[in-house]
């Protein structure tokens, strides 16, 4: 059985505006990568926070 890593986050708030879209997307992805490397994935949804501390989405490792 294969496993699926799913990432979904909203880019509609202030952290992603005013020319910061690409910078904040990259920061969020690096943050996710660090968390996965350091503590792994539990299989449950994990919260994604933007640079301002706002909940913008979830990531998880699940089964297909």
N, C-alpha and C. Protein backbone atom coordinates (compact mmCIF):
# COMPACT_ATOMS: atom_id res chain seq x y z
N UNK A 1 0.84 -1.18 0.00
CA UNK A 1 0.00 0.00 0.00
C UNK A 1 0.89 1.25 0.00
N UNK A 2 0.58 2.18 -0.87
CA UNK A 2 1.39 3.41 -0.93
C UNK A 2 0.90 4.43 0.08
N UNK A 3 1.75 5.40 0.33
CA UNK A 3 1.41 6.48 1.26
C UNK A 3 1.40 7.79 0.49
N UNK A 4 0.53 8.69 0.89
CA UNK A 4 0.37 10.00 0.26
C UNK A 4 0.72 11.08 1.28
N UNK A 5 1.58 12.02 0.88
CA UNK A 5 1.86 13.19 1.72
C UNK A 5 1.07 14.34 1.12
N UNK A 6 0.18 14.90 1.91
CA UNK A 6 -0.73 15.95 1.43
C UNK A 6 -0.46 17.25 2.17
N UNK A 7 -0.35 18.34 1.41
CA UNK A 7 -0.15 19.68 1.96
C UNK A 7 -1.20 20.60 1.34
N UNK A 8 -1.89 21.33 2.19
CA UNK A 8 -2.88 22.30 1.69
C UNK A 8 -2.90 23.49 2.63
N UNK A 9 -2.67 24.69 2.05
CA UNK A 9 -2.76 25.89 2.86
C UNK A 9 -3.28 27.06 2.04
N UNK A 10 -3.92 27.99 2.75
CA UNK A 10 -4.57 29.15 2.16
C UNK A 10 -3.57 30.31 2.11
N UNK A 11 -3.47 30.95 0.95
CA UNK A 11 -2.54 32.08 0.79
C UNK A 11 -3.27 33.42 0.72
N UNK A 12 -4.46 33.47 1.30
CA UNK A 12 -5.27 34.68 1.18
C UNK A 12 -5.12 35.70 2.29
N UNK A 13 -4.18 35.52 3.21
CA UNK A 13 -4.08 36.50 4.28
C UNK A 13 -2.86 37.41 4.12
N UNK A 14 -2.66 38.29 5.08
CA UNK A 14 -1.64 39.34 4.98
C UNK A 14 -0.21 38.81 4.81
N UNK A 15 0.10 37.66 5.39
CA UNK A 15 1.46 37.13 5.30
C UNK A 15 1.87 36.84 3.86
N UNK A 16 0.90 36.61 2.98
CA UNK A 16 1.16 36.27 1.59
C UNK A 16 0.96 37.46 0.64
N UNK A 17 0.65 38.63 1.17
CA UNK A 17 0.34 39.78 0.31
C UNK A 17 1.53 40.71 0.13
N UNK A 18 1.34 41.76 -0.65
CA UNK A 18 2.35 42.81 -0.86
C UNK A 18 3.69 42.26 -1.34
N UNK A 19 3.65 41.39 -2.35
CA UNK A 19 4.87 40.87 -2.93
C UNK A 19 5.54 39.77 -2.14
N UNK A 20 4.88 39.26 -1.10
CA UNK A 20 5.48 38.23 -0.25
C UNK A 20 4.97 36.83 -0.53
N UNK A 21 4.16 36.65 -1.56
CA UNK A 21 3.55 35.35 -1.83
C UNK A 21 4.59 34.25 -1.93
N UNK A 22 5.55 34.39 -2.84
CA UNK A 22 6.54 33.35 -3.06
C UNK A 22 7.44 33.15 -1.85
N UNK A 23 7.81 34.24 -1.20
CA UNK A 23 8.67 34.16 -0.02
C UNK A 23 7.98 33.39 1.10
N UNK A 24 6.70 33.69 1.34
CA UNK A 24 5.98 33.02 2.42
C UNK A 24 5.66 31.57 2.08
N UNK A 25 5.34 31.27 0.83
CA UNK A 25 5.12 29.88 0.43
C UNK A 25 6.40 29.08 0.68
N UNK A 26 7.54 29.60 0.27
CA UNK A 26 8.81 28.91 0.48
C UNK A 26 9.10 28.73 1.97
N UNK A 27 8.83 29.75 2.77
CA UNK A 27 9.05 29.66 4.21
C UNK A 27 8.18 28.58 4.84
N UNK A 28 6.90 28.54 4.44
CA UNK A 28 5.98 27.53 4.96
C UNK A 28 6.46 26.13 4.58
N UNK A 29 6.87 25.94 3.33
CA UNK A 29 7.34 24.62 2.89
C UNK A 29 8.62 24.20 3.62
N UNK A 30 9.53 25.14 3.86
CA UNK A 30 10.73 24.82 4.63
C UNK A 30 10.38 24.45 6.08
N UNK A 31 9.41 25.14 6.63
CA UNK A 31 8.96 24.85 7.99
C UNK A 31 8.37 23.45 8.08
N UNK A 32 7.56 23.08 7.10
CA UNK A 32 6.97 21.73 7.06
C UNK A 32 8.09 20.70 6.94
N UNK A 33 9.04 20.93 6.04
CA UNK A 33 10.15 19.99 5.86
C UNK A 33 10.94 19.80 7.15
N UNK A 34 11.19 20.87 7.87
CA UNK A 34 11.92 20.78 9.14
C UNK A 34 11.14 19.97 10.17
N UNK A 35 9.84 20.22 10.26
CA UNK A 35 9.01 19.49 11.22
C UNK A 35 8.99 18.00 10.90
N UNK A 36 8.84 17.66 9.62
CA UNK A 36 8.81 16.25 9.21
C UNK A 36 10.14 15.59 9.53
N UNK A 37 11.23 16.28 9.23
CA UNK A 37 12.56 15.73 9.49
C UNK A 37 12.84 15.57 10.98
N UNK A 38 12.43 16.55 11.78
CA UNK A 38 12.73 16.55 13.21
C UNK A 38 11.82 15.63 14.03
N UNK A 39 10.51 15.65 13.74
CA UNK A 39 9.57 14.89 14.58
C UNK A 39 8.72 13.90 13.82
N UNK A 40 8.79 13.89 12.50
CA UNK A 40 8.02 12.95 11.70
C UNK A 40 6.57 13.39 11.52
N UNK A 41 5.79 12.48 10.96
CA UNK A 41 4.36 12.71 10.73
C UNK A 41 3.59 11.66 11.52
N UNK A 42 2.57 12.08 12.20
CA UNK A 42 1.80 11.15 13.02
C UNK A 42 0.73 10.42 12.23
N UNK A 43 0.45 10.86 11.01
CA UNK A 43 -0.66 10.31 10.25
C UNK A 43 -1.90 11.16 10.40
N UNK A 44 -1.92 11.99 11.42
CA UNK A 44 -3.02 12.92 11.62
C UNK A 44 -2.67 14.23 10.95
N UNK A 45 -3.66 15.06 10.73
CA UNK A 45 -3.39 16.37 10.17
C UNK A 45 -2.56 17.20 11.13
N UNK A 46 -1.54 17.85 10.60
CA UNK A 46 -0.70 18.76 11.36
C UNK A 46 -1.00 20.19 10.91
N UNK A 47 -1.04 21.13 11.83
CA UNK A 47 -1.38 22.52 11.52
C UNK A 47 -0.21 23.24 10.87
N UNK A 48 -0.51 24.08 9.89
CA UNK A 48 0.47 24.94 9.22
C UNK A 48 0.20 26.37 9.66
N UNK A 49 1.24 27.04 10.14
CA UNK A 49 1.12 28.43 10.57
C UNK A 49 1.89 29.34 9.63
N UNK A 50 1.33 30.52 9.36
CA UNK A 50 2.07 31.50 8.57
C UNK A 50 3.06 32.24 9.47
N UNK A 51 3.81 33.17 8.91
CA UNK A 51 4.83 33.90 9.65
C UNK A 51 4.23 34.72 10.80
N UNK A 52 2.94 35.06 10.70
CA UNK A 52 2.27 35.83 11.74
C UNK A 52 1.62 34.94 12.80
N UNK A 53 1.77 33.63 12.67
CA UNK A 53 1.20 32.71 13.64
C UNK A 53 -0.23 32.29 13.37
N UNK A 54 -0.75 32.66 12.20
CA UNK A 54 -2.12 32.29 11.85
C UNK A 54 -2.18 30.88 11.27
N UNK A 55 -3.23 30.16 11.62
CA UNK A 55 -3.49 28.82 11.10
C UNK A 55 -3.94 28.97 9.65
N UNK A 56 -3.13 28.47 8.70
CA UNK A 56 -3.46 28.62 7.28
C UNK A 56 -3.73 27.30 6.56
N UNK A 57 -3.51 26.16 7.25
CA UNK A 57 -3.78 24.90 6.58
C UNK A 57 -3.30 23.70 7.35
N UNK A 58 -3.17 22.57 6.62
CA UNK A 58 -2.81 21.29 7.22
C UNK A 58 -1.89 20.49 6.30
N UNK A 59 -1.11 19.61 6.90
CA UNK A 59 -0.39 18.60 6.13
C UNK A 59 -0.54 17.27 6.85
N UNK A 60 -0.43 16.18 6.09
CA UNK A 60 -0.53 14.87 6.71
C UNK A 60 0.12 13.82 5.83
N UNK A 61 0.48 12.73 6.45
CA UNK A 61 0.95 11.55 5.75
C UNK A 61 -0.10 10.49 5.98
N UNK A 62 -0.67 10.00 4.89
CA UNK A 62 -1.73 9.02 5.01
C UNK A 62 -1.55 7.88 4.04
N UNK A 63 -2.52 7.03 3.99
CA UNK A 63 -2.51 5.88 3.08
C UNK A 63 -3.47 6.15 1.93
N UNK A 64 -3.09 5.65 0.76
CA UNK A 64 -3.95 5.85 -0.41
C UNK A 64 -5.05 4.82 -0.46
